[in-house]
Amino acid sequence: MGVLIDWISQPQTAGGILLVAMPGVGDVGKLAVDAVNNELDAEPIARIIHPSLPPLARLDENGLLAPPHILLSKLEINGKEIFTLTGDAQPMTPEGQHEMAATVLELFEGGEVLVLAGMSAPADRKDIFAITSSSSYRIELESRGVDVRRDEPKAGVIGMAALITALGPVKNVNTSCTIATTVGNSADPVAAQLLLETIRKWWSIPLPVPIDATDRLAAKLKEMHPGKADDLISELSESPNSIYM
């Protein structure tokens, strides 16, 4: 068994624009895409299932047990369709990640896929840049004002983010990975907010930027330390880099 697509509705995806984010360093991309989905009431259109996803089934919003999956959703922004793809996990094998990435790209043949990710860096470095796998697309991005790097990340990219970006030319899709630096020890909503703002500017997509770093930090601390969150937030707020826990 390979990839199984459980269609909820089946709109035209070929030639479309897709934003992709998987759990990763600082969960930067995932925080950004989750925030956009929530703010714009994204419409789920397909559950993409693979046997190498972690075998954890969760209850959905209707109290029904859903299989492990990555969710493809649709947004309406100023009359234009934008798609998003995210999940709580990605396939745990190289073969599974490759099959999932190839399937996603085939759905968006002739389109444009933007992967959002984080990269570990010192706390004082707050940088955002893009990489791509096509020289012609790189020229197009640079003409839009996108900061496309040729020399980093020096260690490369791993997982679904890597494969979706690298396999784009093979599947006739323009693919890029936009990366925000983060300390990466915990979820980083500040980097996610900067990433969304940058995507808005570089791709001229009117995405909302709804992330409130303080509120999200407070919620996270209350979950981790019930009854002590206010004291912890007060202590952290004394440092300008306090969000980078």
Protein backbone atom coordinates (compact mmCIF):
# COMPACT_ATOMS: atom_id res chain seq x y z
CA MET A 1 0.00 0.00 0.00
CA GLY A 2 1.27 3.45 -0.95
CA VAL A 3 -0.37 6.84 -0.68
CA LEU A 4 -4.14 6.88 -0.23
CA ILE A 5 -6.09 10.10 -0.87
CA ASP A 6 -9.40 10.34 0.96
CA TRP A 7 -11.19 13.13 -0.92
CA ILE A 8 -13.70 15.20 1.02
CA SER A 9 -14.29 17.40 -2.02
CA GLN A 10 -12.23 17.40 -5.19
CA PRO A 11 -11.49 20.86 -6.61
CA GLN A 12 -9.02 21.53 -9.38
CA THR A 13 -5.53 21.57 -7.86
CA ALA A 14 -3.30 21.39 -10.97
CA GLY A 15 -1.73 24.76 -11.62
CA GLY A 16 -2.65 26.01 -8.16
CA ILE A 17 -0.65 27.56 -5.33
CA LEU A 18 0.09 25.39 -2.30
CA LEU A 19 1.57 26.35 1.08
CA VAL A 20 3.22 23.39 2.83
CA ALA A 21 4.46 23.06 6.41
CA MET A 22 5.38 20.02 8.47
CA PRO A 23 6.48 19.81 12.12
CA GLY A 24 10.14 20.81 12.34
CA VAL A 25 12.63 23.19 13.89
CA GLY A 26 10.64 25.58 16.07
CA ASP A 27 7.50 24.40 14.27
CA VAL A 28 7.88 27.71 12.43
CA GLY A 29 6.19 26.75 9.19
CA LYS A 30 3.46 24.74 10.88
CA LEU A 31 2.57 27.59 13.26
CA ALA A 32 2.28 29.90 10.25
CA VAL A 33 0.09 27.60 8.16
CA ASP A 34 -2.09 26.61 11.14
CA ALA A 35 -2.66 30.28 11.90
CA VAL A 36 -3.71 31.04 8.32
CA ASN A 37 -6.02 28.01 8.24
CA ASN A 38 -7.68 29.06 11.49
CA GLU A 39 -8.01 32.72 10.56
CA LEU A 40 -9.55 32.02 7.13
CA ASP A 41 -11.64 28.97 8.09
CA ALA A 42 -9.84 26.68 5.67
CA GLU A 43 -12.02 24.06 3.99
CA PRO A 44 -10.60 20.52 4.32
CA ILE A 45 -10.60 18.84 0.91
CA ALA A 46 -8.52 15.68 1.34
CA ARG A 47 -6.83 13.47 3.91
CA ILE A 48 -3.56 12.11 2.51
CA ILE A 49 -2.77 8.80 4.19
CA HIS A 50 0.37 6.65 4.17
CA PRO A 51 1.23 3.52 6.20
CA SER A 52 4.52 5.05 7.38
CA LEU A 53 2.76 7.86 9.23
CA PRO A 54 2.93 7.32 13.01
CA PRO A 55 0.10 4.89 13.89
CA LEU A 56 -1.78 7.32 16.14
CA ALA A 57 -5.45 7.91 15.32
CA ARG A 58 -7.08 10.95 16.93
CA LEU A 59 -10.66 12.08 17.47
CA ASP A 60 -11.72 14.76 15.02
CA GLU A 61 -13.96 17.77 15.69
CA ASN A 62 -17.02 15.53 15.36
CA GLY A 63 -15.75 13.03 17.91
CA LEU A 64 -14.92 10.46 15.23
CA LEU A 65 -11.65 8.58 15.09
CA ALA A 66 -9.62 9.78 12.11
CA PRO A 67 -6.76 7.81 10.56
CA PRO A 68 -3.25 9.28 10.68
CA HIS A 69 -3.08 11.72 7.78
CA ILE A 70 -1.77 14.96 6.37
CA LEU A 71 -4.57 17.43 5.60
CA LEU A 72 -4.99 19.27 2.31
CA SER A 73 -7.22 22.35 2.67
CA LYS A 74 -8.49 25.20 0.51
CA LEU A 75 -8.64 28.92 1.27
CA GLU A 76 -10.44 31.74 -0.53
CA ILE A 77 -8.37 34.93 -0.53
CA ASN A 78 -9.77 37.89 -2.47
CA GLY A 79 -11.57 35.51 -4.81
CA LYS A 80 -8.46 33.40 -5.42
CA GLU A 81 -7.99 29.80 -4.30
CA ILE A 82 -4.92 29.00 -2.21
CA PHE A 83 -4.27 25.50 -0.86
CA THR A 84 -2.48 24.45 2.32
CA LEU A 85 -0.97 21.15 3.41
CA THR A 86 0.04 20.33 6.97
CA GLY A 87 -0.18 17.65 9.62
CA ASP A 88 0.93 16.65 13.09
CA ALA A 89 3.61 14.32 11.71
CA GLN A 90 5.23 13.22 8.47
CA PRO A 91 6.00 9.69 7.26
CA MET A 92 8.68 8.02 9.36
CA THR A 93 10.56 6.33 6.47
CA PRO A 94 12.48 7.81 3.53
CA GLU A 95 10.31 5.80 1.15
CA GLY A 96 7.13 7.13 2.74
CA GLN A 97 8.34 10.72 2.61
CA HIS A 98 9.35 10.31 -1.04
CA GLU A 99 5.99 8.78 -2.02
CA MET A 100 4.06 11.45 -0.15
CA ALA A 101 6.11 14.28 -1.68
CA ALA A 102 5.73 12.90 -5.23
CA THR A 103 1.97 12.52 -4.78
CA VAL A 104 1.55 16.08 -3.54
CA LEU A 105 3.56 17.47 -6.45
CA GLU A 106 1.55 15.45 -8.97
CA LEU A 107 -1.62 17.06 -7.62
CA PHE A 108 -0.15 20.52 -8.29
CA GLU A 109 1.49 19.89 -11.66
CA GLY A 110 2.10 23.15 -13.46
CA GLY A 111 1.57 25.12 -10.26
CA GLU A 112 3.63 26.66 -7.49
CA VAL A 113 4.43 25.08 -4.12
CA LEU A 114 5.80 27.14 -1.23
CA VAL A 115 7.33 25.15 1.62
CA LEU A 116 7.67 27.01 4.95
CA ALA A 117 10.31 25.85 7.42
CA GLY A 118 12.65 26.82 10.26
CA MET A 119 16.42 26.58 10.63
CA SER A 120 18.37 26.48 13.90
CA ALA A 121 20.49 29.57 14.49
CA PRO A 122 21.75 31.74 17.37
CA ALA A 123 19.09 33.82 19.11
CA ASP A 124 20.47 37.10 17.74
CA ARG A 125 20.06 35.97 14.12
CA LYS A 126 16.59 36.74 12.75
CA ASP A 127 16.82 36.03 9.05
CA ILE A 128 14.47 34.80 6.34
CA PHE A 129 15.53 33.52 2.93
CA ALA A 130 14.43 31.11 0.23
CA ILE A 131 16.02 28.24 -1.68
CA THR A 132 14.82 26.53 -4.84
CA SER A 133 15.71 23.65 -7.16
CA SER A 134 15.35 25.32 -10.56
CA SER A 135 17.66 27.98 -12.00
CA SER A 136 14.88 29.47 -14.14
CA TYR A 137 12.51 29.68 -11.19
CA ARG A 138 15.29 31.18 -9.08
CA ILE A 139 15.66 33.98 -11.65
CA GLU A 140 11.89 34.55 -11.53
CA LEU A 141 11.89 34.70 -7.72
CA GLU A 142 14.82 37.10 -7.62
CA SER A 143 12.99 39.38 -10.07
CA ARG A 144 10.16 39.55 -7.48
CA GLY A 145 12.62 40.63 -4.81
CA VAL A 146 12.90 37.25 -3.08
CA ASP A 147 16.17 36.66 -1.22
CA VAL A 148 17.19 33.33 -2.79
CA ARG A 149 20.33 31.89 -1.22
CA ARG A 150 22.91 29.71 -2.95
CA ASP A 151 25.13 28.88 0.03
CA GLU A 152 22.77 27.87 2.85
CA PRO A 153 21.52 25.97 4.67
CA LYS A 154 24.99 24.45 4.52
CA ALA A 155 23.87 21.15 6.03
CA GLY A 156 21.03 20.82 3.52
CA VAL A 157 17.34 20.16 4.14
CA ILE A 158 15.71 16.95 5.37
CA GLY A 159 12.29 15.31 5.32
CA MET A 160 9.19 16.31 3.40
CA ALA A 161 10.36 19.92 3.15
CA ALA A 162 13.48 18.74 1.32
CA LEU A 163 11.77 16.31 -1.03
CA ILE A 164 8.87 18.53 -2.03
CA THR A 165 11.29 21.36 -2.83
CA ALA A 166 13.92 19.24 -4.57
CA LEU A 167 11.53 17.14 -6.68
CA GLY A 168 9.64 20.11 -8.10
CA PRO A 169 11.38 20.26 -11.50
CA VAL A 170 10.94 16.49 -11.92
CA LYS A 171 7.15 16.88 -11.52
CA ASN A 172 6.80 20.16 -13.47
CA VAL A 173 6.10 22.27 -10.39
CA ASN A 174 7.81 25.50 -9.33
CA THR A 175 8.93 24.78 -5.78
CA SER A 176 10.71 26.81 -3.13
CA CYS A 177 11.45 26.53 0.57
CA THR A 178 11.29 29.75 2.58
CA ILE A 179 13.24 29.43 5.81
CA ALA A 180 13.13 31.47 9.01
CA THR A 181 15.95 31.20 11.53
CA THR A 182 15.03 30.18 15.07
CA VAL A 183 16.71 28.86 18.18
CA GLY A 184 14.41 25.90 17.71
CA ASN A 185 14.25 24.62 21.29
CA SER A 186 10.45 25.10 21.34
CA ALA A 187 7.65 26.45 19.19
CA ASP A 188 8.60 29.90 17.88
CA PRO A 189 5.56 32.07 17.01
CA VAL A 190 7.73 35.17 16.51
CA ALA A 191 9.65 33.53 13.67
CA ALA A 192 6.36 32.19 12.28
CA GLN A 193 4.89 35.70 12.22
CA LEU A 194 7.95 37.08 10.43
CA LEU A 195 7.74 34.22 7.96
CA LEU A 196 4.11 35.00 7.12
CA GLU A 197 4.87 38.69 6.70
CA THR A 198 7.70 37.84 4.32
CA ILE A 199 5.57 35.44 2.25
CA ARG A 200 2.94 38.19 1.94
CA LYS A 201 5.54 40.59 0.58
CA TRP A 202 7.51 38.28 -1.72
CA TRP A 203 4.56 36.46 -3.30
CA SER A 204 1.99 39.29 -3.04
CA ILE A 205 -0.45 36.92 -1.34
CA PRO A 206 -2.72 38.77 1.10
CA LEU A 207 -2.31 36.26 3.90
CA PRO A 208 -3.46 37.26 7.39
CA VAL A 209 -0.77 37.54 10.03
CA PRO A 210 -2.84 36.66 13.12
CA ILE A 211 -0.16 35.22 15.37
CA ASP A 212 0.10 36.93 18.77
CA ALA A 213 3.37 35.78 20.25
CA THR A 214 2.53 36.75 23.84
CA ASP A 215 -0.85 35.00 23.88
CA ARG A 216 0.59 31.85 22.32
CA LEU A 217 3.50 31.83 24.75
CA ALA A 218 1.10 32.24 27.66
CA ALA A 219 -1.04 29.36 26.46
CA LYS A 220 2.01 27.16 26.02
CA LEU A 221 3.35 27.97 29.48
CA LYS A 222 -0.03 27.38 31.13
CA GLU A 223 -0.11 23.96 29.52
CA MET A 224 3.44 23.16 30.65
CA HIS A 225 3.30 24.78 34.11
CA PRO A 226 -0.28 25.08 35.43
CA GLY A 227 -0.59 27.84 38.01
CA LYS A 228 2.88 29.27 37.33
CA ALA A 229 2.43 30.74 33.86
CA ASP A 230 2.05 34.40 34.94
CA ASP A 231 5.30 34.33 36.93
CA LEU A 232 7.16 32.64 34.10
CA ILE A 233 5.86 35.08 31.51
CA SER A 234 6.90 38.00 33.71
CA GLU A 235 10.41 36.60 34.01
CA LEU A 236 10.71 35.85 30.31
CA SER A 237 9.40 39.27 29.28
CA GLU A 238 12.45 40.92 30.85
CA SER A 239 14.57 39.59 27.99
CA PRO A 240 14.09 40.90 24.40
CA ASN A 241 14.75 37.36 23.16
CA SER A 242 12.48 35.72 25.73
CA ILE A 243 10.33 34.04 23.09
CA TYR A 244 13.32 31.99 22.06
CA MET A 245 12.97 29.48 24.90
